[in-house]
Amino acid sequence: MAEAHSQEEPSHYNTTAIRVAEQLHEARVQNLRNLRKAQEAAGQAVGPEQLFPAFNRAGLGVALEYERMGHQPVSAGLTARSVELGVRFEHLGLTLGSVLHGVDLKGELTEELVAFIRDALLERKVIFFRDQHLSEDEQVAFGRRFGELDAFPFAKSGDNPYIVEISHDENHPGTENGWHTDVTWMEQPSLGSIAQCVQTPPIGGDTLFSDSHACLLGMPAGLFEQIEHLHGINDYRIFLTTRSPGGLPEELVSSIKAQIPFGVAHPLVRTHPETGKAGLYIHGGFLRHDSLYDSRSGEALDPGESKALVRELLTQHSRPEYQCRFHWEPGSVAFWDNRAVQHYATSDYFPHPRLLRRVTVSGDKPFYDPSIPLRTAD
């Protein structure tokens, strides 16, 4: 019966569809040949920009970032050092996210190993470790190997004041389910965050990370030119309002604002101070959406234009092409570079409990250097 069906004459539609598919394929192959000839005549090669459609550039952003990485997840030098140190990489995404196996953060961390971890962070943007089970003091000590630490004033700390507990349960559902980079309300936002999972829900509770460098390279045509020199004002109003049922005493709010600057300017395009790469730098909860201004002239955008631009920017990191996803287990540790990625904690496990402990490594004041080409190879 199946054999008889296969020998039936194709319908008029299918005859037409097959013919059109052949014609289109031939035309597209010829167009690519013509493009390559034109590029060769001009002494140029056909690059990703010519191959990806202009209306859908997320894949292009990843391709350009991977090109800048030398078309390899980590450099040859870092690979050689990993072999010497007995560390194995498990890559979760093309341009970001790797689990480092064979590292014991509770053991003796030599200067060589710490330097390797830092370089792995710079190349992979977010790195992970399994089965560490650090005490609060051990986690703080590990964080201090990468710089000074920032205490967090707006959440419950652990027994160690540099530990922040991110705890959710049947009375406190997860609320970090929006793309963000940490503490942009600070004049010098943290370099990175180190989180350890203490308790996981039976299902769910993953954290996603998105490559801010690839995101900038893949944003819609013309958008980069619009935002290249724009700055915006960030503050911590969210901690003084929505997270404080019933409101806080005015005297306390005034005191906090007097001690911690309320309203700091940061660029939307940030140059990474160690790699030189530019990335989209934005936190929708801390940024005042109507505050964008041109840093060259000081001229403010129309509030409506500013808000519309922020709305568009806040969708950019959400493309799956830029992302990797990490599934927590008790003892898992994530170390992410706030200058290179955004993250999103899924809120898909209510009413089950989930507990993470986090420390943050001090950073520097964000800046943008337009003299560094976007596609400079490492």
Protein backbone atom coordinates (compact mmCIF):
# COMPACT_ATOMS: atom_id res chain seq x y z
CA MET A 1 0.00 0.00 0.00
CA ALA A 2 2.83 2.36 0.94
CA GLU A 3 4.64 1.46 -2.29
CA ALA A 4 1.56 2.28 -4.34
CA HIS A 5 1.24 5.59 -2.55
CA SER A 6 4.88 6.49 -3.27
CA GLN A 7 4.31 5.92 -7.00
CA GLU A 8 1.36 8.31 -7.21
CA GLU A 9 1.82 11.38 -9.38
CA PRO A 10 2.49 14.49 -7.25
CA SER A 11 -0.34 16.97 -7.01
CA HIS A 12 -0.27 20.22 -8.97
CA TYR A 13 0.74 22.08 -5.82
CA ASN A 14 3.61 19.70 -5.05
CA THR A 15 4.84 19.80 -8.65
CA THR A 16 4.89 23.58 -8.45
CA ALA A 17 6.50 23.63 -4.97
CA ILE A 18 9.31 21.30 -6.06
CA ARG A 19 10.00 23.36 -9.20
CA VAL A 20 10.01 26.65 -7.27
CA ALA A 21 12.34 25.18 -4.59
CA GLU A 22 14.82 24.17 -7.30
CA GLN A 23 14.64 27.60 -8.94
CA LEU A 24 15.11 29.45 -5.66
CA HIS A 25 18.03 27.27 -4.64
CA GLU A 26 19.74 27.86 -7.98
CA ALA A 27 19.18 31.62 -7.70
CA ARG A 28 20.51 31.76 -4.13
CA VAL A 29 23.61 29.75 -5.00
CA GLN A 30 24.25 32.07 -7.95
CA ASN A 31 23.78 35.15 -5.75
CA LEU A 32 26.35 33.80 -3.27
CA ARG A 33 28.77 33.09 -6.14
CA ASN A 34 28.32 36.64 -7.41
CA LEU A 35 28.82 38.05 -3.92
CA ARG A 36 32.03 36.07 -3.44
CA LYS A 37 33.35 37.21 -6.84
CA ALA A 38 32.59 40.84 -6.02
CA GLN A 39 34.24 40.55 -2.61
CA GLU A 40 37.30 38.83 -4.10
CA ALA A 41 37.59 41.53 -6.75
CA ALA A 42 37.57 44.11 -3.98
CA GLY A 43 40.13 42.11 -2.00
CA GLN A 44 37.61 41.20 0.69
CA ALA A 45 36.20 37.96 2.04
CA VAL A 46 32.53 37.16 2.52
CA GLY A 47 31.86 37.63 6.21
CA PRO A 48 29.01 36.81 8.57
CA GLU A 49 27.37 40.18 7.91
CA GLN A 50 26.64 39.14 4.32
CA LEU A 51 25.31 35.71 5.29
CA PHE A 52 22.88 36.55 8.11
CA PRO A 53 19.60 38.34 7.27
CA ALA A 54 19.51 42.01 8.24
CA PHE A 55 16.13 41.61 9.94
CA ASN A 56 17.31 38.89 12.35
CA ARG A 57 20.80 39.54 13.68
CA ALA A 58 20.98 37.52 16.92
CA GLY A 59 22.89 34.72 15.22
CA LEU A 60 25.21 37.31 13.71
CA GLY A 61 26.01 38.70 17.15
CA VAL A 62 27.07 35.25 18.35
CA ALA A 63 29.06 34.65 15.15
CA LEU A 64 30.93 37.95 15.48
CA GLU A 65 31.72 37.38 19.16
CA TYR A 66 32.90 33.84 18.38
CA GLU A 67 35.01 35.25 15.54
CA ARG A 68 36.55 37.69 18.02
CA MET A 69 37.32 34.68 20.26
CA GLY A 70 39.30 33.07 17.44
CA HIS A 71 36.52 30.58 16.64
CA GLN A 72 37.29 28.59 19.78
CA PRO A 73 35.50 28.48 23.15
CA VAL A 74 38.74 29.20 25.02
CA SER A 75 42.16 30.29 23.85
CA ALA A 76 44.89 27.77 23.14
CA GLY A 77 46.89 29.20 26.02
CA LEU A 78 44.08 28.70 28.51
CA THR A 79 43.51 25.17 27.20
CA ALA A 80 47.17 24.32 27.78
CA ARG A 81 47.05 25.72 31.31
CA SER A 82 43.91 23.70 32.06
CA VAL A 83 45.75 20.50 31.12
CA GLU A 84 48.67 21.41 33.38
CA LEU A 85 46.31 22.11 36.29
CA GLY A 86 44.11 19.05 35.72
CA VAL A 87 41.02 21.15 34.98
CA ARG A 88 38.44 20.01 32.43
CA PHE A 89 36.07 22.43 30.66
CA GLU A 90 32.42 21.61 30.04
CA HIS A 91 31.12 24.36 27.78
CA LEU A 92 27.43 25.28 28.07
CA GLY A 93 27.30 27.91 25.32
CA LEU A 94 29.38 28.86 22.31
CA THR A 95 30.57 32.21 23.65
CA LEU A 96 29.82 31.97 27.38
CA GLY A 97 29.41 29.60 30.26
CA SER A 98 31.71 26.74 31.26
CA VAL A 99 31.77 24.28 34.14
CA LEU A 100 35.30 23.85 35.50
CA HIS A 101 35.75 20.25 36.65
CA GLY A 102 38.68 19.20 38.81
CA VAL A 103 38.80 22.31 41.02
CA ASP A 104 38.36 22.08 44.79
CA LEU A 105 37.54 25.53 46.13
CA LYS A 106 37.83 24.25 49.71
CA GLY A 107 41.41 23.15 49.13
CA GLU A 108 44.58 25.15 48.71
CA LEU A 109 44.19 27.63 45.89
CA THR A 110 47.60 28.47 44.47
CA GLU A 111 48.26 31.81 42.81
CA GLU A 112 48.55 29.90 39.53
CA LEU A 113 45.10 28.37 39.96
CA VAL A 114 43.49 31.67 40.99
CA ALA A 115 45.01 33.38 37.94
CA PHE A 116 43.66 30.56 35.76
CA ILE A 117 40.14 30.93 37.23
CA ARG A 118 40.21 34.68 36.64
CA ASP A 119 41.34 34.25 33.04
CA ALA A 120 38.67 31.59 32.49
CA LEU A 121 36.10 34.09 33.80
CA LEU A 122 37.34 36.75 31.38
CA GLU A 123 37.21 34.39 28.40
CA ARG A 124 33.95 32.58 29.25
CA LYS A 125 32.15 35.45 31.09
CA VAL A 126 30.49 33.06 33.57
CA ILE A 127 32.02 29.91 35.05
CA PHE A 128 30.65 27.18 37.30
CA PHE A 129 31.89 24.63 39.82
CA ARG A 130 30.11 21.55 41.18
CA ASP A 131 30.07 19.88 44.61
CA GLN A 132 31.91 22.59 46.55
CA HIS A 133 29.78 22.99 49.73
CA LEU A 134 31.64 26.03 51.01
CA SER A 135 30.96 27.52 54.42
CA GLU A 136 30.08 31.22 54.46
CA ASP A 137 33.62 32.14 55.52
CA GLU A 138 35.14 29.90 52.84
CA GLN A 139 32.95 31.51 50.18
CA VAL A 140 33.99 34.97 51.36
CA ALA A 141 37.65 33.92 51.39
CA PHE A 142 37.34 32.62 47.82
CA GLY A 143 35.76 35.90 46.70
CA ARG A 144 38.59 37.90 48.27
CA ARG A 145 41.11 36.12 46.04
CA PHE A 146 39.71 38.29 43.21
CA GLY A 147 39.55 41.65 44.99
CA GLU A 148 37.78 43.55 47.71
CA LEU A 149 34.16 42.61 48.44
CA ASP A 150 31.02 44.76 48.50
CA ALA A 151 28.52 44.29 51.31
CA PHE A 152 24.90 44.58 50.20
CA PRO A 153 22.77 47.05 52.19
CA PHE A 154 19.29 46.06 50.99
CA ALA A 155 18.92 42.38 51.89
CA LYS A 156 19.43 40.00 54.78
CA SER A 157 23.02 38.97 55.23
CA GLY A 158 24.27 35.64 56.47
CA ASP A 159 26.35 35.15 59.59
CA ASN A 160 29.17 36.68 57.59
CA PRO A 161 28.15 40.26 56.67
CA TYR A 162 29.53 39.89 53.12
CA ILE A 163 27.15 37.03 52.39
CA VAL A 164 23.73 37.88 50.94
CA GLU A 165 21.05 35.23 51.22
CA ILE A 166 18.74 34.92 48.21
CA SER A 167 15.96 32.86 49.74
CA HIS A 168 12.52 31.96 48.38
CA ASP A 169 9.76 29.68 49.65
CA GLU A 170 5.97 29.40 49.99
CA ASN A 171 5.83 32.91 51.48
CA HIS A 172 8.41 34.57 49.24
CA PRO A 173 8.23 33.63 45.54
CA GLY A 174 11.23 34.27 43.31
CA THR A 175 11.36 37.82 41.94
CA GLU A 176 14.72 37.93 40.13
CA ASN A 177 13.14 36.68 36.90
CA GLY A 178 14.11 39.59 34.70
CA TRP A 179 17.29 40.14 32.71
CA HIS A 180 19.73 42.27 34.70
CA THR A 181 23.29 42.96 35.71
CA ASP A 182 23.91 43.52 39.39
CA VAL A 183 23.97 46.76 41.42
CA THR A 184 24.06 49.39 38.67
CA TRP A 185 22.83 51.82 41.35
CA MET A 186 26.40 51.88 42.70
CA GLU A 187 28.93 54.44 41.49
CA GLN A 188 31.35 51.53 41.06
CA PRO A 189 29.19 48.44 40.43
CA SER A 190 30.60 45.06 41.34
CA LEU A 191 33.04 43.32 39.03
CA GLY A 192 31.29 40.04 39.52
CA SER A 193 29.14 37.89 41.74
CA ILE A 194 29.86 34.48 43.25
CA ALA A 195 26.75 32.52 44.23
CA GLN A 196 26.58 29.11 45.89
CA CYS A 197 23.46 26.99 45.96
CA VAL A 198 22.51 25.69 49.41
CA GLN A 199 19.02 24.33 48.74
CA THR A 200 17.32 23.53 45.43
CA PRO A 201 13.68 22.96 44.58
CA PRO A 202 12.82 19.46 43.30
CA ILE A 203 12.24 20.89 39.81
CA GLY A 204 13.17 24.24 38.28
CA GLY A 205 15.10 27.15 39.74
CA ASP A 206 17.71 27.39 36.97
CA THR A 207 19.59 30.60 36.21
CA LEU A 208 20.17 31.80 32.65
CA PHE A 209 23.04 34.00 31.51
CA SER A 210 23.17 36.17 28.39
CA ASP A 211 26.29 37.45 26.59
CA SER A 212 26.27 41.27 26.65
CA HIS A 213 29.07 41.47 24.05
CA ALA A 214 27.28 39.25 21.53
CA CYS A 215 24.08 41.11 22.32
CA LEU A 216 25.63 44.44 21.35
CA LEU A 217 27.08 43.00 18.14
CA GLY A 218 23.74 41.44 17.17
CA MET A 219 21.32 44.24 18.00
CA PRO A 220 19.08 45.57 15.20
CA ALA A 221 20.81 47.67 12.56
CA GLY A 222 21.04 51.30 13.59
CA LEU A 223 20.34 50.73 17.28
CA PHE A 224 23.99 50.80 18.30
CA GLU A 225 24.44 54.17 16.62
CA GLN A 226 21.47 55.48 18.60
CA ILE A 227 22.80 54.42 21.99
CA GLU A 228 26.58 54.55 21.56
CA HIS A 229 27.05 57.78 23.51
CA LEU A 230 23.98 57.66 25.73
CA HIS A 231 24.09 57.54 29.52
CA GLY A 232 21.27 57.03 31.99
CA ILE A 233 20.65 57.59 35.70
CA ASN A 234 20.41 54.55 37.98
CA ASP A 235 19.12 54.40 41.55
CA TYR A 236 17.91 51.92 44.18
CA ARG A 237 14.31 53.16 44.53
CA ILE A 238 13.01 49.62 44.14
CA PHE A 239 14.48 48.66 47.51
CA LEU A 240 12.80 51.57 49.25
CA THR A 241 9.32 50.95 47.85
CA THR A 242 8.10 47.67 46.35
CA ARG A 243 10.19 45.46 48.64
CA SER A 244 9.04 47.21 51.81
CA PRO A 245 5.36 46.47 52.52
CA GLY A 246 3.72 49.41 54.26
CA GLY A 247 6.54 51.73 53.29
CA LEU A 248 9.62 52.84 55.19
CA PRO A 249 9.83 55.80 57.60
CA GLU A 250 10.74 58.97 55.74
CA GLU A 251 13.54 59.64 58.19
CA LEU A 252 15.14 56.28 57.37
CA VAL A 253 14.80 56.80 53.61
CA SER A 254 16.37 60.27 53.88
CA SER A 255 19.19 58.86 55.99
CA ILE A 256 19.92 56.09 53.48
CA LYS A 257 19.98 58.54 50.57
CA ALA A 258 22.35 60.78 52.48
CA GLN A 259 24.77 57.89 53.02
CA ILE A 260 24.50 56.05 49.70
CA PRO A 261 24.35 58.18 46.52
CA PHE A 262 20.85 58.06 45.05
CA GLY A 263 21.14 58.51 41.28
CA VAL A 264 24.37 57.74 39.41
CA ALA A 265 25.07 58.01 35.68
CA HIS A 266 26.36 55.04 33.66
CA PRO A 267 26.81 54.44 29.90
CA LEU A 268 24.47 52.12 28.01
CA VAL A 269 27.49 50.82 26.11
CA ARG A 270 30.21 49.75 28.52
CA THR A 271 33.82 48.94 27.67
CA HIS A 272 35.14 45.99 29.62
CA PRO A 273 38.18 47.33 31.51
CA GLU A 274 40.17 44.08 31.12
CA THR A 275 39.19 42.70 27.70
CA GLY A 276 38.40 45.98 25.92
CA LYS A 277 35.15 44.53 24.56
CA ALA A 278 32.02 46.70 24.49
CA GLY A 279 28.72 45.36 25.77
CA LEU A 280 25.15 46.48 26.38
CA TYR A 281 24.98 47.62 30.01
CA ILE A 282 21.51 48.14 31.46
CA HIS A 283 19.29 47.22 34.42
CA GLY A 284 15.63 47.97 33.83
CA GLY A 285 14.78 48.09 37.53
CA PHE A 286 17.50 50.57 38.52
CA LEU A 287 17.65 52.73 35.38
CA ARG A 288 15.30 55.70 35.29
CA HIS A 289 13.67 55.04 31.94
CA ASP A 290 13.18 58.72 31.11
CA SER A 291 16.73 59.76 32.04
CA LEU A 292 18.79 59.05 28.91
CA TYR A 293 21.08 61.82 27.70
CA ASP A 294 23.94 62.32 25.24
CA SER A 295 27.18 62.19 27.21
CA ARG A 296 28.98 64.38 24.66
CA SER A 297 26.64 67.34 24.83
CA GLY A 298 24.75 66.66 28.05
CA GLU A 299 21.51 67.07 26.10
CA ALA A 300 18.64 64.97 27.45
CA LEU A 301 16.47 62.89 25.17
CA ASP A 302 12.77 63.60 25.06
CA PRO A 303 11.27 61.52 27.93
CA GLY A 304 9.01 59.61 25.54
CA GLU A 305 11.92 58.81 23.21
CA SER A 306 14.04 57.78 26.18
CA LYS A 307 11.38 55.39 27.49
CA ALA A 308 10.80 53.85 24.06
CA LEU A 309 14.52 53.28 23.58
CA VAL A 310 14.85 51.65 27.00
CA ARG A 311 11.92 49.35 26.24
CA GLU A 312 13.66 48.18 23.08
CA LEU A 313 17.00 47.70 24.82
CA LEU A 314 15.44 45.62 27.59
CA THR A 315 14.40 42.97 25.05
CA GLN A 316 17.85 42.44 23.56
CA HIS A 317 19.32 39.97 26.07
CA SER A 318 16.27 37.72 25.85
CA ARG A 319 17.30 36.05 22.58
CA PRO A 320 18.19 32.38 23.26
CA GLU A 321 21.18 32.60 20.90
CA TYR A 322 23.06 34.72 23.44
CA GLN A 323 22.35 32.46 26.40
CA CYS A 324 23.44 29.50 28.44
CA ARG A 325 21.42 27.86 31.22
CA PHE A 326 22.74 26.48 34.51
CA HIS A 327 20.96 23.88 36.61
CA TRP A 328 21.78 24.28 40.28
CA GLU A 329 22.61 21.45 42.66
CA PRO A 330 23.52 21.80 46.34
CA GLY A 331 27.15 22.88 46.43
CA SER A 332 27.12 24.37 42.90
CA VAL A 333 28.96 27.69 42.56
CA ALA A 334 28.53 30.25 39.77
CA PHE A 335 30.96 33.13 39.22
CA TRP A 336 29.75 35.66 36.68
CA ASP A 337 31.28 38.82 35.25
CA ASN A 338 28.74 41.64 35.62
CA ARG A 339 30.64 43.62 32.98
CA ALA A 340 30.08 40.91 30.35
CA VAL A 341 26.77 39.13 31.06
CA GLN A 342 23.26 39.59 32.33
CA HIS A 343 21.41 36.90 34.24
CA TYR A 344 17.84 35.75 34.86
CA ALA A 345 16.74 33.52 37.74
CA THR A 346 13.70 31.50 36.73
CA SER A 347 10.74 31.70 39.10
CA ASP A 348 9.24 28.32 38.21
CA TYR A 349 9.41 26.39 41.48
CA PHE A 350 6.84 27.99 43.85
CA PRO A 351 5.99 26.96 46.58
CA HIS A 352 9.24 24.99 46.94
CA PRO A 353 12.23 26.55 48.73
CA ARG A 354 15.39 27.70 46.98
CA LEU A 355 18.40 29.22 48.78
CA LEU A 356 21.53 30.76 47.31
CA ARG A 357 24.32 32.64 49.09
CA ARG A 358 26.14 35.36 47.18
CA VAL A 359 29.20 37.53 47.56
CA THR A 360 30.14 40.34 45.18
CA VAL A 361 33.62 41.42 44.15
CA SER A 362 34.25 45.17 44.01
CA GLY A 363 34.44 46.78 40.60
CA ASP A 364 35.21 50.14 39.02
CA LYS A 365 33.29 53.00 37.43
CA PRO A 366 31.77 52.00 34.06
CA PHE A 367 33.07 53.82 30.98
CA TYR A 368 32.87 53.64 27.21
CA ASP A 369 35.93 53.99 24.97
CA PRO A 370 34.81 54.63 21.36
CA SER A 371 38.40 54.37 20.10
CA ILE A 372 38.39 50.58 20.51
CA PRO A 373 36.88 48.91 17.41
CA LEU A 374 33.92 46.66 18.16
CA ARG A 375 35.45 43.74 16.28
CA THR A 376 39.02 43.90 17.54
CA ALA A 377 40.25 40.32 17.87
CA ASP A 378 41.57 39.17 21.25
